[in-house]
C-alpha cells in the first residue's frame, strides 16, 4: 500500500492546519467608549471657547469701529460749527473798534442845531451819507443796531443800566434816558445799549 497522500483529501488537511480568520472586529468596551466621549467633549469645549473668543473679538472690533465713526462725525460737526462761527463772528473785534466811530458821528448829527445845519449843509450831508453807509456795512456783516426808546421796559439781555432815578410819571424798570445805542452781531450781543432806568416805587 502506497504512502502517498490522496489528492482529494490533501487540501482538506491543509485547510485544517491553517489558522482560522479573525471574526468581525470585537465591540469596544464601555471604558473605551467613555474615553472617546470625553475626548469629543474636550474638543467641543475647545471649539466653543474659540468661538466665544472670536465673538468677543468681533464685538470689540465692532464697538471700536462705531466709536471711531462717532468721533469722526463729532469732529466733522465741530469743524463745521467752528467754520460757521469764524465766518459769522470772526469780525467782532473789528466791529467793536468801529462802534466808537458810529457813536461819534451819531452824537455829531444829534447835537447839530437848525442854524448850524443851514450854515453847513454840505458838510452835514456828507456826515449823514457816511453814517448811512456805515449802517449799511454793518447790516451786510450781520450787525444790527439796538435802539431803545424812552418809555421802553428795561431788558437786561440787551440793556445796561447806567443809573437809576425815581422819575415821576414812570414805573420802576422804565427806560428814562438813552446814553448809547447797542449792537447785535447776528444772534450775539456785541454791545449793550446804555440807559438810565426809573426806580419809581409802586404807588
N, C-alpha and C. Protein backbone atom coordinates (compact mmCIF):
# COMPACT_ATOMS: atom_id res chain seq x y z
N UNK A 1 0.86 -1.20 0.00
CA UNK A 1 0.00 0.00 0.00
C UNK A 1 0.87 1.22 0.00
N UNK A 2 0.55 2.25 -0.89
CA UNK A 2 1.44 3.41 -1.06
C UNK A 2 1.22 4.42 0.03
N UNK A 3 2.31 5.11 0.45
CA UNK A 3 2.25 6.18 1.49
C UNK A 3 1.90 7.54 0.91
N UNK A 4 1.69 7.67 -0.39
CA UNK A 4 1.41 8.98 -0.99
C UNK A 4 0.03 9.42 -0.58
N UNK A 5 -0.14 10.68 -0.25
CA UNK A 5 -1.45 11.19 0.19
C UNK A 5 -2.42 11.21 -0.94
N UNK A 6 -3.67 11.04 -0.53
CA UNK A 6 -4.75 11.06 -1.50
C UNK A 6 -4.95 12.49 -1.97
N UNK A 7 -4.98 12.67 -3.30
CA UNK A 7 -5.10 14.06 -3.81
C UNK A 7 -6.39 14.73 -3.38
N UNK A 8 -7.41 14.02 -3.11
CA UNK A 8 -8.69 14.63 -2.75
C UNK A 8 -8.72 15.07 -1.30
N UNK A 9 -8.05 14.34 -0.45
CA UNK A 9 -8.07 14.66 0.98
C UNK A 9 -6.97 15.62 1.36
N UNK A 10 -5.96 15.88 0.51
CA UNK A 10 -4.82 16.73 0.87
C UNK A 10 -5.23 18.17 1.11
N UNK A 11 -6.09 18.77 0.26
CA UNK A 11 -6.47 20.19 0.53
C UNK A 11 -7.23 20.35 1.82
N UNK A 12 -8.04 19.37 2.14
CA UNK A 12 -8.80 19.47 3.40
C UNK A 12 -7.86 19.47 4.59
N UNK A 13 -6.84 18.60 4.50
CA UNK A 13 -5.88 18.53 5.60
C UNK A 13 -5.10 19.82 5.72
N UNK A 14 -4.82 20.43 4.56
CA UNK A 14 -4.07 21.70 4.59
C UNK A 14 -4.92 22.79 5.19
N UNK A 15 -6.21 22.76 4.82
CA UNK A 15 -7.09 23.78 5.41
C UNK A 15 -7.21 23.63 6.89
N UNK A 16 -7.17 22.39 7.36
CA UNK A 16 -7.30 22.17 8.79
C UNK A 16 -6.12 22.73 9.54
N UNK A 17 -4.94 22.76 8.87
CA UNK A 17 -3.74 23.27 9.53
C UNK A 17 -3.67 24.78 9.55
N UNK A 18 -4.44 25.51 8.62
CA UNK A 18 -4.41 26.98 8.58
C UNK A 18 -5.15 27.56 9.78
N UNK A 19 -4.63 28.71 10.35
CA UNK A 19 -5.38 29.36 11.46
C UNK A 19 -6.65 29.99 10.91
N UNK A 20 -7.71 29.89 11.65
CA UNK A 20 -8.98 30.47 11.23
C UNK A 20 -8.90 31.99 11.21
N UNK A 21 -9.52 32.59 10.15
CA UNK A 21 -9.53 34.06 10.03
C UNK A 21 -10.29 34.67 11.19
N UNK A 22 -9.83 35.83 11.61
CA UNK A 22 -10.50 36.51 12.74
C UNK A 22 -11.90 36.93 12.35
N UNK A 23 -12.80 36.78 13.23
CA UNK A 23 -14.18 37.23 13.00
C UNK A 23 -14.22 38.75 12.93
N UNK A 24 -15.39 39.30 12.78
CA UNK A 24 -15.56 40.76 12.77
C UNK A 24 -14.92 41.38 14.00
N UNK A 25 -14.52 42.71 13.86
CA UNK A 25 -13.84 43.40 14.97
C UNK A 25 -14.69 43.30 16.23
N UNK A 26 -14.01 43.09 17.32
CA UNK A 26 -14.72 42.95 18.59
C UNK A 26 -15.29 44.31 19.01
N UNK A 27 -16.50 44.37 19.56
CA UNK A 27 -17.07 45.64 20.03
C UNK A 27 -16.20 46.27 21.10
N UNK A 28 -16.19 47.66 21.09
CA UNK A 28 -15.36 48.37 22.06
C UNK A 28 -15.99 48.25 23.43
N UNK A 29 -15.13 48.31 24.39
CA UNK A 29 -15.62 48.20 25.77
C UNK A 29 -16.22 49.54 26.21
N UNK A 30 -16.95 49.52 27.28
CA UNK A 30 -17.56 50.75 27.82
C UNK A 30 -16.51 51.77 28.20
N UNK A 31 -15.39 51.33 28.71
CA UNK A 31 -14.32 52.26 29.09
C UNK A 31 -13.76 52.97 27.87
N UNK A 32 -13.58 52.22 26.76
CA UNK A 32 -13.07 52.84 25.55
C UNK A 32 -14.06 53.85 24.99
N UNK A 33 -15.36 53.48 25.00
CA UNK A 33 -16.38 54.41 24.53
C UNK A 33 -16.43 55.67 25.39
N UNK A 34 -16.35 55.49 26.70
CA UNK A 34 -16.37 56.64 27.61
C UNK A 34 -15.18 57.55 27.36
N UNK A 35 -13.99 56.92 27.09
CA UNK A 35 -12.79 57.71 26.84
C UNK A 35 -12.95 58.54 25.56
N UNK A 36 -13.49 57.90 24.51
CA UNK A 36 -13.71 58.62 23.26
C UNK A 36 -14.73 59.76 23.46
N UNK A 37 -15.77 59.50 24.27
CA UNK A 37 -16.76 60.55 24.54
C UNK A 37 -16.14 61.73 25.27
N UNK A 38 -15.25 61.43 26.22
CA UNK A 38 -14.57 62.52 26.95
C UNK A 38 -13.71 63.35 26.01
N UNK A 39 -13.02 62.66 25.08
CA UNK A 39 -12.17 63.38 24.14
C UNK A 39 -13.01 64.28 23.24
N UNK A 40 -14.18 63.78 22.82
CA UNK A 40 -15.06 64.60 21.98
C UNK A 40 -15.59 65.80 22.77
N UNK A 41 -15.92 65.60 24.05
CA UNK A 41 -16.38 66.72 24.87
C UNK A 41 -15.30 67.78 25.01
N UNK A 42 -14.06 67.34 25.22
CA UNK A 42 -12.95 68.29 25.35
C UNK A 42 -12.78 69.08 24.05
N UNK A 43 -12.85 68.36 22.93
CA UNK A 43 -12.71 69.03 21.63
C UNK A 43 -13.85 70.02 21.41
N UNK A 44 -15.09 69.63 21.78
CA UNK A 44 -16.23 70.53 21.62
C UNK A 44 -16.09 71.76 22.50
N UNK A 45 -15.62 71.56 23.74
CA UNK A 45 -15.43 72.70 24.64
C UNK A 45 -14.37 73.65 24.10
N UNK A 46 -13.31 73.08 23.52
CA UNK A 46 -12.25 73.92 22.95
C UNK A 46 -12.79 74.74 21.78
N UNK A 47 -13.61 74.09 20.92
CA UNK A 47 -14.20 74.81 19.80
C UNK A 47 -15.15 75.90 20.28
N UNK A 48 -15.95 75.59 21.31
CA UNK A 48 -16.88 76.58 21.86
C UNK A 48 -16.12 77.76 22.46
N UNK A 49 -15.01 77.47 23.16
CA UNK A 49 -14.21 78.55 23.74
C UNK A 49 -13.60 79.42 22.65
N UNK A 50 -13.12 78.78 21.58
CA UNK A 50 -12.54 79.53 20.47
C UNK A 50 -13.61 80.38 19.78
N UNK A 51 -14.82 79.80 19.62
CA UNK A 51 -15.92 80.55 19.01
C UNK A 51 -16.31 81.74 19.87
N UNK A 52 -16.36 81.55 21.17
CA UNK A 52 -16.71 82.65 22.08
C UNK A 52 -15.65 83.74 22.03
N UNK A 53 -14.38 83.31 21.93
CA UNK A 53 -13.30 84.30 21.84
C UNK A 53 -13.43 85.11 20.54
N UNK A 54 -13.77 84.45 19.45
CA UNK A 54 -13.94 85.15 18.18
C UNK A 54 -15.14 86.09 18.24
N UNK A 55 -16.21 85.66 18.92
CA UNK A 55 -17.37 86.55 19.08
C UNK A 55 -17.01 87.80 19.87
N UNK A 56 -16.27 87.60 20.95
CA UNK A 56 -15.85 88.75 21.78
C UNK A 56 -14.97 89.69 20.98
N UNK A 57 -14.03 89.12 20.22
CA UNK A 57 -13.15 89.96 19.41
C UNK A 57 -13.94 90.71 18.35
N UNK A 58 -14.92 90.04 17.75
CA UNK A 58 -15.76 90.69 16.74
C UNK A 58 -16.56 91.83 17.36
N UNK A 59 -17.12 91.61 18.56
CA UNK A 59 -17.90 92.65 19.22
C UNK A 59 -17.02 93.83 19.60
N UNK A 60 -15.80 93.53 20.06
CA UNK A 60 -14.87 94.62 20.42
C UNK A 60 -14.50 95.44 19.19
N UNK A 61 -14.21 94.77 18.07
CA UNK A 61 -13.87 95.48 16.85
C UNK A 61 -15.06 96.30 16.35
N UNK A 62 -16.26 95.75 16.50
CA UNK A 62 -17.46 96.48 16.08
C UNK A 62 -17.64 97.75 16.92
N UNK A 63 -17.44 97.61 18.24
CA UNK A 63 -17.57 98.78 19.11
C UNK A 63 -16.51 99.83 18.79
N UNK A 64 -15.28 99.37 18.51
CA UNK A 64 -14.23 100.32 18.15
C UNK A 64 -14.57 101.06 16.86
N UNK A 65 -15.11 100.33 15.90
CA UNK A 65 -15.49 100.96 14.63
C UNK A 65 -16.60 101.98 14.84
N UNK A 66 -17.61 101.63 15.66
CA UNK A 66 -18.70 102.56 15.92
C UNK A 66 -18.20 103.81 16.64
N UNK A 67 -17.29 103.62 17.61
CA UNK A 67 -16.73 104.78 18.32
C UNK A 67 -15.92 105.66 17.37
N UNK A 68 -15.14 105.02 16.49
CA UNK A 68 -14.34 105.79 15.53
C UNK A 68 -15.25 106.58 14.59
N UNK A 69 -16.34 105.95 14.14
CA UNK A 69 -17.27 106.65 13.27
C UNK A 69 -17.95 107.81 14.00
N UNK A 70 -18.32 107.57 15.28
CA UNK A 70 -18.95 108.64 16.07
C UNK A 70 -17.97 109.79 16.30
N UNK A 71 -16.70 109.46 16.59
CA UNK A 71 -15.69 110.51 16.80
C UNK A 71 -15.47 111.31 15.51
N UNK A 72 -15.44 110.61 14.39
CA UNK A 72 -15.25 111.31 13.11
C UNK A 72 -16.42 112.23 12.81
N UNK A 73 -17.64 111.77 13.11
CA UNK A 73 -18.82 112.60 12.87
C UNK A 73 -18.82 113.81 13.79
N UNK A 74 -18.44 113.60 15.07
CA UNK A 74 -18.36 114.73 16.00
C UNK A 74 -17.30 115.75 15.56
N UNK A 75 -16.19 115.26 15.09
CA UNK A 75 -15.15 116.17 14.61
C UNK A 75 -15.63 116.95 13.39
N UNK A 76 -16.36 116.27 12.50
CA UNK A 76 -16.88 116.96 11.32
C UNK A 76 -17.86 118.05 11.72
N UNK A 77 -18.77 117.72 12.67
CA UNK A 77 -19.74 118.71 13.12
C UNK A 77 -19.05 119.87 13.84
N UNK A 78 -18.04 119.54 14.66
CA UNK A 78 -17.33 120.60 15.38
C UNK A 78 -16.58 121.51 14.41
N UNK A 79 -15.96 120.92 13.39
CA UNK A 79 -15.26 121.73 12.39
C UNK A 79 -16.23 122.61 11.62
N UNK A 80 -17.40 122.06 11.30
CA UNK A 80 -18.39 122.86 10.59
C UNK A 80 -18.90 124.00 11.47
N UNK A 81 -19.12 123.70 12.77
CA UNK A 81 -19.58 124.75 13.69
C UNK A 81 -18.51 125.83 13.85
N UNK A 82 -17.24 125.40 13.98
CA UNK A 82 -16.16 126.38 14.11
C UNK A 82 -16.05 127.24 12.86
N UNK A 83 -16.24 126.61 11.70
CA UNK A 83 -16.16 127.37 10.45
C UNK A 83 -17.26 128.42 10.37
N UNK A 84 -18.48 128.02 10.76
CA UNK A 84 -19.60 128.97 10.73
C UNK A 84 -19.40 130.10 11.74
N UNK A 85 -18.91 129.74 12.94
CA UNK A 85 -18.67 130.78 13.95
C UNK A 85 -17.58 131.75 13.49
N UNK A 86 -16.53 131.20 12.88
CA UNK A 86 -15.47 132.07 12.38
C UNK A 86 -16.00 132.99 11.28
N UNK A 87 -16.88 132.44 10.46
CA UNK A 87 -17.45 133.25 9.38
C UNK A 87 -18.38 134.32 9.91
N UNK A 88 -19.17 133.98 10.94
CA UNK A 88 -20.16 134.92 11.45
C UNK A 88 -19.60 135.89 12.48
N UNK A 89 -18.71 135.38 13.35
CA UNK A 89 -18.26 136.20 14.48
C UNK A 89 -16.78 136.55 14.44
N UNK A 90 -16.10 136.17 13.34
CA UNK A 90 -14.67 136.47 13.27
C UNK A 90 -14.38 137.97 13.19
N UNK A 91 -15.35 138.75 12.75
CA UNK A 91 -15.14 140.20 12.61
C UNK A 91 -15.60 140.98 13.83
N UNK A 92 -15.85 140.30 14.95
CA UNK A 92 -16.40 141.00 16.11
C UNK A 92 -15.43 142.05 16.67
N UNK A 93 -14.13 141.78 16.65
CA UNK A 93 -13.16 142.75 17.17
C UNK A 93 -13.14 144.01 16.31
N UNK A 94 -13.15 143.81 14.99
CA UNK A 94 -13.18 144.97 14.10
C UNK A 94 -14.48 145.75 14.28
N UNK A 95 -15.59 145.03 14.45
CA UNK A 95 -16.88 145.70 14.64
C UNK A 95 -16.86 146.53 15.91
N UNK A 96 -16.32 145.99 16.99
CA UNK A 96 -16.25 146.76 18.25
C UNK A 96 -15.40 148.01 18.08
N UNK A 97 -14.33 147.90 17.29
CA UNK A 97 -13.48 149.06 17.07
C UNK A 97 -14.18 150.14 16.26
N UNK A 98 -15.18 149.73 15.45
CA UNK A 98 -15.90 150.71 14.64
C UNK A 98 -17.05 151.37 15.39
N UNK A 99 -17.47 150.78 16.51
CA UNK A 99 -18.62 151.34 17.24
C UNK A 99 -18.37 152.76 17.75
N UNK A 100 -17.18 153.09 18.27
CA UNK A 100 -16.96 154.49 18.68
C UNK A 100 -17.09 155.48 17.51
N UNK A 101 -16.74 155.03 16.30
CA UNK A 101 -16.90 155.89 15.13
C UNK A 101 -18.39 156.17 14.92
N UNK A 102 -19.19 155.12 15.03
CA UNK A 102 -20.64 155.29 14.90
C UNK A 102 -21.17 156.23 15.98
N UNK A 103 -20.70 156.04 17.23
CA UNK A 103 -21.16 156.89 18.34
C UNK A 103 -20.82 158.35 18.08
N UNK A 104 -19.59 158.59 17.65
CA UNK A 104 -19.15 159.98 17.44
C UNK A 104 -19.97 160.64 16.33
N UNK A 105 -20.19 159.94 15.25
CA UNK A 105 -20.97 160.52 14.15
C UNK A 105 -22.43 160.69 14.56
N UNK A 106 -22.95 159.76 15.33
CA UNK A 106 -24.34 159.87 15.78
C UNK A 106 -24.52 161.07 16.69
N UNK A 107 -23.60 161.27 17.63
CA UNK A 107 -23.69 162.43 18.52
C UNK A 107 -23.54 163.74 17.75
N UNK A 108 -22.65 163.71 16.76
CA UNK A 108 -22.46 164.93 15.96
C UNK A 108 -23.74 165.32 15.24
N UNK A 109 -24.44 164.35 14.70
CA UNK A 109 -25.69 164.65 13.99
C UNK A 109 -26.81 165.04 14.95
N UNK A 110 -26.80 164.47 16.15
CA UNK A 110 -27.87 164.76 17.10
C UNK A 110 -27.74 166.16 17.70
N UNK A 111 -26.52 166.65 17.83
CA UNK A 111 -26.30 167.93 18.51
C UNK A 111 -26.31 169.13 17.56
N UNK A 112 -26.45 168.88 16.28
CA UNK A 112 -26.45 170.00 15.30
C UNK A 112 -27.76 170.76 15.41
N UNK A 113 -27.64 172.06 15.50
CA UNK A 113 -28.84 172.90 15.54
C UNK A 113 -29.29 173.20 14.10
N UNK A 114 -30.49 173.76 14.04
CA UNK A 114 -31.02 174.11 12.71
C UNK A 114 -30.16 175.18 12.04
N UNK A 115 -29.65 176.15 12.84
CA UNK A 115 -28.80 177.19 12.28
C UNK A 115 -27.51 176.60 11.72
N UNK A 116 -26.90 175.67 12.49
CA UNK A 116 -25.67 175.02 12.03
C UNK A 116 -25.93 174.17 10.78
N UNK A 117 -27.10 173.53 10.76
CA UNK A 117 -27.42 172.70 9.60
C UNK A 117 -27.57 173.57 8.34
N UNK A 118 -28.18 174.73 8.51
CA UNK A 118 -28.35 175.62 7.36
C UNK A 118 -27.01 176.19 6.89
N UNK A 119 -26.13 176.48 7.87
CA UNK A 119 -24.84 177.09 7.51
C UNK A 119 -23.85 176.06 6.98
N UNK A 120 -23.99 174.81 7.37
CA UNK A 120 -23.03 173.78 6.97
C UNK A 120 -23.75 172.59 6.32
N UNK A 121 -24.64 172.89 5.44
CA UNK A 121 -25.49 171.86 4.85
C UNK A 121 -24.67 170.80 4.12
N UNK A 122 -23.70 171.22 3.34
CA UNK A 122 -22.91 170.26 2.56
C UNK A 122 -22.11 169.32 3.47
N UNK A 123 -21.50 169.93 4.51
CA UNK A 123 -20.70 169.11 5.44
C UNK A 123 -21.58 168.10 6.17
N UNK A 124 -22.72 168.58 6.67
CA UNK A 124 -23.60 167.69 7.42
C UNK A 124 -24.22 166.62 6.52
N UNK A 125 -24.46 166.96 5.27
CA UNK A 125 -24.98 165.96 4.34
C UNK A 125 -23.94 164.86 4.11
N UNK A 126 -22.68 165.26 4.03
CA UNK A 126 -21.61 164.27 3.88
C UNK A 126 -21.52 163.35 5.08
N UNK A 127 -21.63 163.95 6.29
CA UNK A 127 -21.60 163.12 7.51
C UNK A 127 -22.79 162.17 7.55
N UNK A 128 -23.94 162.68 7.14
CA UNK A 128 -25.15 161.86 7.14
C UNK A 128 -25.02 160.70 6.14
N UNK A 129 -24.47 160.97 4.97
CA UNK A 129 -24.28 159.91 3.98
C UNK A 129 -23.27 158.88 4.48
N UNK A 130 -22.20 159.35 5.13
CA UNK A 130 -21.20 158.43 5.69
C UNK A 130 -21.83 157.56 6.76
N UNK A 131 -22.69 158.17 7.59
CA UNK A 131 -23.36 157.43 8.65
C UNK A 131 -24.26 156.33 8.05
N UNK A 132 -24.99 156.67 7.03
CA UNK A 132 -25.87 155.69 6.41
C UNK A 132 -25.08 154.55 5.76
N UNK A 133 -23.95 154.90 5.15
CA UNK A 133 -23.11 153.85 4.54
C UNK A 133 -22.53 152.93 5.60
N UNK A 134 -22.15 153.51 6.75
CA UNK A 134 -21.64 152.70 7.85
C UNK A 134 -22.70 151.73 8.35
N UNK A 135 -23.92 152.21 8.47
CA UNK A 135 -25.02 151.34 8.89
C UNK A 135 -25.26 150.24 7.85
N UNK A 136 -25.14 150.57 6.57
CA UNK A 136 -25.29 149.56 5.52
C UNK A 136 -24.20 148.49 5.60
N UNK A 137 -22.97 148.94 5.87
CA UNK A 137 -21.86 147.99 6.03
C UNK A 137 -22.12 147.08 7.22
N UNK A 138 -22.57 147.68 8.33
CA UNK A 138 -22.93 146.87 9.50
C UNK A 138 -23.97 145.81 9.12
N UNK A 139 -24.98 146.21 8.40
CA UNK A 139 -26.04 145.28 8.02
C UNK A 139 -25.54 144.14 7.16
N UNK A 140 -24.61 144.43 6.24
CA UNK A 140 -24.08 143.37 5.39
C UNK A 140 -23.28 142.35 6.17
N UNK A 141 -22.77 142.74 7.31
CA UNK A 141 -21.97 141.83 8.13
C UNK A 141 -22.74 141.33 9.36
N UNK A 142 -24.04 141.49 9.34
CA UNK A 142 -24.86 140.93 10.42
C UNK A 142 -24.91 141.75 11.69
N UNK A 143 -24.51 143.02 11.61
CA UNK A 143 -24.53 143.89 12.79
C UNK A 143 -25.81 144.71 12.77
N UNK A 144 -26.60 144.58 13.84
CA UNK A 144 -27.87 145.30 13.94
C UNK A 144 -27.81 146.26 15.12
N UNK A 145 -28.38 147.43 14.92
CA UNK A 145 -28.37 148.47 15.95
C UNK A 145 -29.55 148.23 16.90
N UNK A 146 -29.27 148.29 18.19
CA UNK A 146 -30.31 148.22 19.22
C UNK A 146 -30.66 149.66 19.60
N UNK A 147 -31.87 150.06 19.33
CA UNK A 147 -32.26 151.45 19.55
C UNK A 147 -33.41 151.53 20.56
N UNK A 148 -33.10 151.46 21.85
CA UNK A 148 -34.18 151.60 22.84
C UNK A 148 -34.72 153.02 22.84
N UNK A 149 -35.98 153.15 23.25
CA UNK A 149 -36.64 154.44 23.33
C UNK A 149 -37.04 154.72 24.78
N UNK A 150 -37.11 156.01 25.11
CA UNK A 150 -37.58 156.39 26.44
C UNK A 150 -39.01 155.85 26.61
N UNK A 151 -39.23 155.19 27.71
CA UNK A 151 -40.53 154.59 27.98
C UNK A 151 -40.55 153.09 27.76
N UNK A 152 -39.54 152.56 27.03
CA UNK A 152 -39.45 151.10 26.87
C UNK A 152 -39.10 150.45 28.21
N UNK A 153 -39.40 149.17 28.30
CA UNK A 153 -39.04 148.43 29.51
C UNK A 153 -37.58 148.00 29.44
N UNK A 154 -36.92 148.07 30.57
CA UNK A 154 -35.52 147.67 30.65
C UNK A 154 -35.40 146.16 30.43
N UNK A 155 -34.50 145.77 29.54
CA UNK A 155 -34.26 144.35 29.24
C UNK A 155 -32.78 144.06 29.53
N UNK A 156 -32.48 143.35 30.59
CA UNK A 156 -31.07 143.11 30.94
C UNK A 156 -30.31 142.31 29.88
N UNK A 157 -31.04 141.65 28.97
CA UNK A 157 -30.36 140.87 27.94
C UNK A 157 -29.69 141.77 26.91
N UNK A 158 -30.22 142.99 26.71
CA UNK A 158 -29.66 143.88 25.69
C UNK A 158 -29.41 145.29 26.21
N UNK A 159 -29.77 145.56 27.46
CA UNK A 159 -29.58 146.91 28.02
C UNK A 159 -28.64 146.84 29.22
N UNK A 160 -27.91 147.93 29.40
CA UNK A 160 -27.05 148.09 30.58
C UNK A 160 -27.51 149.33 31.33
N UNK A 161 -27.90 149.15 32.58
CA UNK A 161 -28.38 150.28 33.38
C UNK A 161 -27.18 151.09 33.89
N UNK A 162 -27.10 152.35 33.47
CA UNK A 162 -26.02 153.22 33.91
C UNK A 162 -26.35 153.93 35.22
N UNK A 163 -27.65 154.15 35.44
CA UNK A 163 -28.09 154.77 36.70
C UNK A 163 -29.57 154.48 36.87
N UNK A 164 -30.07 154.71 38.08
CA UNK A 164 -31.48 154.60 38.38
C UNK A 164 -31.92 155.90 39.06
N UNK A 165 -33.13 156.32 38.75
CA UNK A 165 -33.66 157.56 39.34
C UNK A 165 -35.17 157.44 39.45
N UNK A 166 -35.74 157.97 40.56
CA UNK A 166 -37.20 157.92 40.73
C UNK A 166 -37.88 159.05 39.97
N UNK A 167 -38.13 158.85 38.70
CA UNK A 167 -38.73 159.89 37.88
C UNK A 167 -40.25 159.81 37.96
N UNK A 168 -40.92 160.87 38.40
CA UNK A 168 -42.39 160.85 38.49
C UNK A 168 -43.02 160.59 37.12
N UNK A 169 -44.13 159.88 37.14
CA UNK A 169 -44.84 159.57 35.91
C UNK A 169 -44.32 158.34 35.19
N UNK A 170 -43.38 157.66 35.82
CA UNK A 170 -42.84 156.43 35.22
C UNK A 170 -43.02 155.26 36.19
N UNK A 171 -42.78 154.08 35.70
CA UNK A 171 -42.81 152.89 36.55
C UNK A 171 -41.38 152.39 36.73
N UNK A 172 -41.17 151.69 37.81
CA UNK A 172 -39.85 151.09 38.04
C UNK A 172 -39.54 150.14 36.89
N UNK A 173 -38.34 150.30 36.30
CA UNK A 173 -37.95 149.46 35.17
C UNK A 173 -38.16 150.12 33.83
N UNK A 174 -38.77 151.30 33.81
CA UNK A 174 -38.91 152.02 32.54
C UNK A 174 -37.59 152.70 32.18
N UNK A 175 -37.28 152.75 30.91
CA UNK A 175 -36.11 153.48 30.45
C UNK A 175 -36.45 154.98 30.42
N UNK A 176 -35.63 155.76 31.09
CA UNK A 176 -35.89 157.20 31.15
C UNK A 176 -34.84 158.01 30.39
N UNK A 177 -33.75 157.36 29.98
CA UNK A 177 -32.73 158.06 29.19
C UNK A 177 -31.91 157.03 28.42
N UNK A 178 -31.52 157.38 27.21
CA UNK A 178 -30.66 156.51 26.39
C UNK A 178 -29.32 157.20 26.22
N UNK A 179 -28.27 156.60 26.75
CA UNK A 179 -26.93 157.17 26.64
C UNK A 179 -26.26 156.75 25.34
N UNK A 180 -26.23 155.47 25.06
CA UNK A 180 -25.66 154.97 23.80
C UNK A 180 -26.51 153.82 23.29
N UNK A 181 -26.51 153.65 22.00
CA UNK A 181 -27.24 152.53 21.40
C UNK A 181 -26.42 151.24 21.52
N UNK A 182 -27.11 150.12 21.42
CA UNK A 182 -26.44 148.83 21.50
C UNK A 182 -26.34 148.18 20.12
N UNK A 183 -25.65 147.05 20.08
CA UNK A 183 -25.44 146.36 18.80
C UNK A 183 -25.48 144.86 19.01
N UNK A 184 -26.08 144.17 18.04
CA UNK A 184 -26.07 142.72 17.99
C UNK A 184 -25.24 142.29 16.78
N UNK A 185 -24.44 141.24 16.94
CA UNK A 185 -23.72 140.61 15.84
C UNK A 185 -24.38 139.26 15.61
N UNK A 186 -25.24 139.22 14.57
CA UNK A 186 -26.10 138.05 14.34
C UNK A 186 -26.95 137.83 15.59
N UNK A 187 -26.76 136.71 16.30
CA UNK A 187 -27.59 136.46 17.48
C UNK A 187 -26.82 136.68 18.78
N UNK A 188 -25.65 137.32 18.70
CA UNK A 188 -24.85 137.59 19.90
C UNK A 188 -24.85 139.09 20.19
N UNK A 189 -24.83 139.39 21.48
CA UNK A 189 -24.76 140.80 21.90
C UNK A 189 -23.34 141.30 21.72
N UNK A 190 -23.20 142.31 20.88
CA UNK A 190 -21.89 142.91 20.66
C UNK A 190 -21.62 144.00 21.68
N UNK A 191 -22.64 144.82 21.94
CA UNK A 191 -22.54 145.84 22.99
C UNK A 191 -23.94 146.17 23.47
N UNK A 192 -24.12 146.19 24.79
CA UNK A 192 -25.43 146.51 25.35
C UNK A 192 -25.69 148.01 25.21
N UNK A 193 -26.95 148.35 25.01
CA UNK A 193 -27.33 149.76 24.99
C UNK A 193 -27.28 150.30 26.42
N UNK A 194 -26.66 151.45 26.59
CA UNK A 194 -26.51 152.05 27.92
C UNK A 194 -27.68 153.02 28.17
N UNK A 195 -28.39 152.75 29.25
CA UNK A 195 -29.62 153.51 29.51
C UNK A 195 -29.72 153.86 30.99
N UNK A 196 -30.58 154.87 31.25
CA UNK A 196 -30.97 155.18 32.61
C UNK A 196 -32.35 154.56 32.87
N UNK A 197 -32.55 154.09 34.10
CA UNK A 197 -33.77 153.32 34.42
C UNK A 197 -34.49 153.98 35.59
N UNK A 198 -35.80 153.97 35.50
CA UNK A 198 -36.60 154.53 36.59
C UNK A 198 -36.62 153.57 37.78
N UNK A 199 -36.51 154.15 38.95
CA UNK A 199 -36.63 153.35 40.17
C UNK A 199 -37.86 153.81 40.98
N UNK A 200 -38.82 154.37 40.28
CA UNK A 200 -40.01 154.91 40.94
C UNK A 200 -40.73 153.79 41.69
N UNK A 201 -40.93 153.92 42.98
CA UNK A 201 -41.62 152.88 43.73
C UNK A 201 -43.09 152.83 43.32
N UNK A 202 -43.66 151.64 43.44
CA UNK A 202 -45.09 151.48 43.11
C UNK A 202 -45.92 152.25 44.11
N UNK A 203 -46.95 152.93 43.61
CA UNK A 203 -47.79 153.77 44.50
C UNK A 203 -48.78 152.90 45.25
